[in-house]
Each structure stands twice: as C-alpha cells, then as structure tokens.
Protein backbone atom coordinates (compact mmCIF):
# COMPACT_ATOMS: atom_id res chain seq x y z
CA UNK A 1 -9.05 15.12 -15.88
CA UNK A 2 -5.52 13.41 -15.41
CA UNK A 3 -2.92 15.13 -13.39
CA UNK A 4 0.61 14.73 -15.06
CA UNK A 5 2.82 12.57 -12.36
CA UNK A 6 6.03 15.09 -13.00
CA UNK A 7 3.53 17.80 -12.32
CA UNK A 8 2.31 16.33 -9.12
CA UNK A 9 5.87 15.24 -7.94
CA UNK A 10 7.13 18.75 -8.44
CA UNK A 11 4.06 20.59 -6.37
CA UNK A 12 4.83 17.67 -3.42
CA UNK A 13 8.69 18.53 -3.88
CA UNK A 14 8.05 22.09 -3.54
CA UNK A 15 5.91 21.94 -0.77
CA UNK A 16 7.95 19.48 1.18
CA UNK A 17 11.05 21.47 0.57
CA UNK A 18 9.38 24.73 1.91
CA UNK A 19 7.08 23.49 5.18
CA UNK A 20 8.85 20.35 5.50
CA UNK A 21 5.30 18.59 5.38
CA UNK A 22 5.55 15.05 4.70
CA UNK A 23 4.71 13.56 1.26
CA UNK A 24 1.58 11.69 2.35
CA UNK A 25 -0.01 14.63 4.05
CA UNK A 26 0.86 16.83 0.78
CA UNK A 27 -0.56 13.89 -1.56
CA UNK A 28 -3.89 13.82 0.53
CA UNK A 29 -4.77 17.46 -0.10
CA UNK A 30 -7.10 18.20 -2.90
CA UNK A 31 -5.37 19.47 -5.94
CA UNK A 32 -6.86 22.71 -5.85
CA UNK A 33 -5.87 23.57 -2.36
CA UNK A 34 -2.01 21.98 -2.97
CA UNK A 35 -1.80 24.58 -5.98
CA UNK A 36 -2.95 27.29 -3.75
CA UNK A 37 -0.14 26.24 -1.14
CA UNK A 38 2.56 26.38 -4.26
CA UNK A 39 1.06 29.74 -5.47
CA UNK A 40 1.35 31.09 -2.14
CA UNK A 41 5.14 29.51 -1.20
CA UNK A 42 5.76 31.25 -4.69
CA UNK A 43 4.86 34.39 -3.56
CA UNK A 44 6.58 34.42 -0.12
CA UNK A 45 9.66 33.65 -2.10
CA UNK A 46 9.36 36.32 -4.34
CA UNK A 47 8.52 39.09 -1.67
CA UNK A 48 11.75 37.79 0.15
CA UNK A 49 13.64 37.54 -3.01
CA UNK A 50 12.88 41.27 -4.15
CA UNK A 51 13.79 42.39 -0.53
CA UNK A 52 10.39 42.77 1.38
C-alpha cells in the first residue's frame, strides 16, 4: 500500500502542532500508530471545543 504524501504531511503537521513532537520522530511511527494519535488529538479537540 502506498501512502499519499499529502496525507502523510497532514498527519505529521497535525501531531507536531498539537504535541510539539519532532518531525523525524513522528515520521518514524508506524502508520497505524500515527493514525491513532491523529484520532486521539481530534477526540481531545472535539471534547474541548464542546465545552467539556
């Protein structure tokens, strides 16, 4: 399976912005783990934005 470079950049930027992790460290994560972090950050943001 190939991974779209734009999607990879989006995931790296998202995690780096919210957790301040270095780009190289995020790129070293396996795809499924990186995707889990993206989902978790999204969940946290949703909860915060919903007031709770």
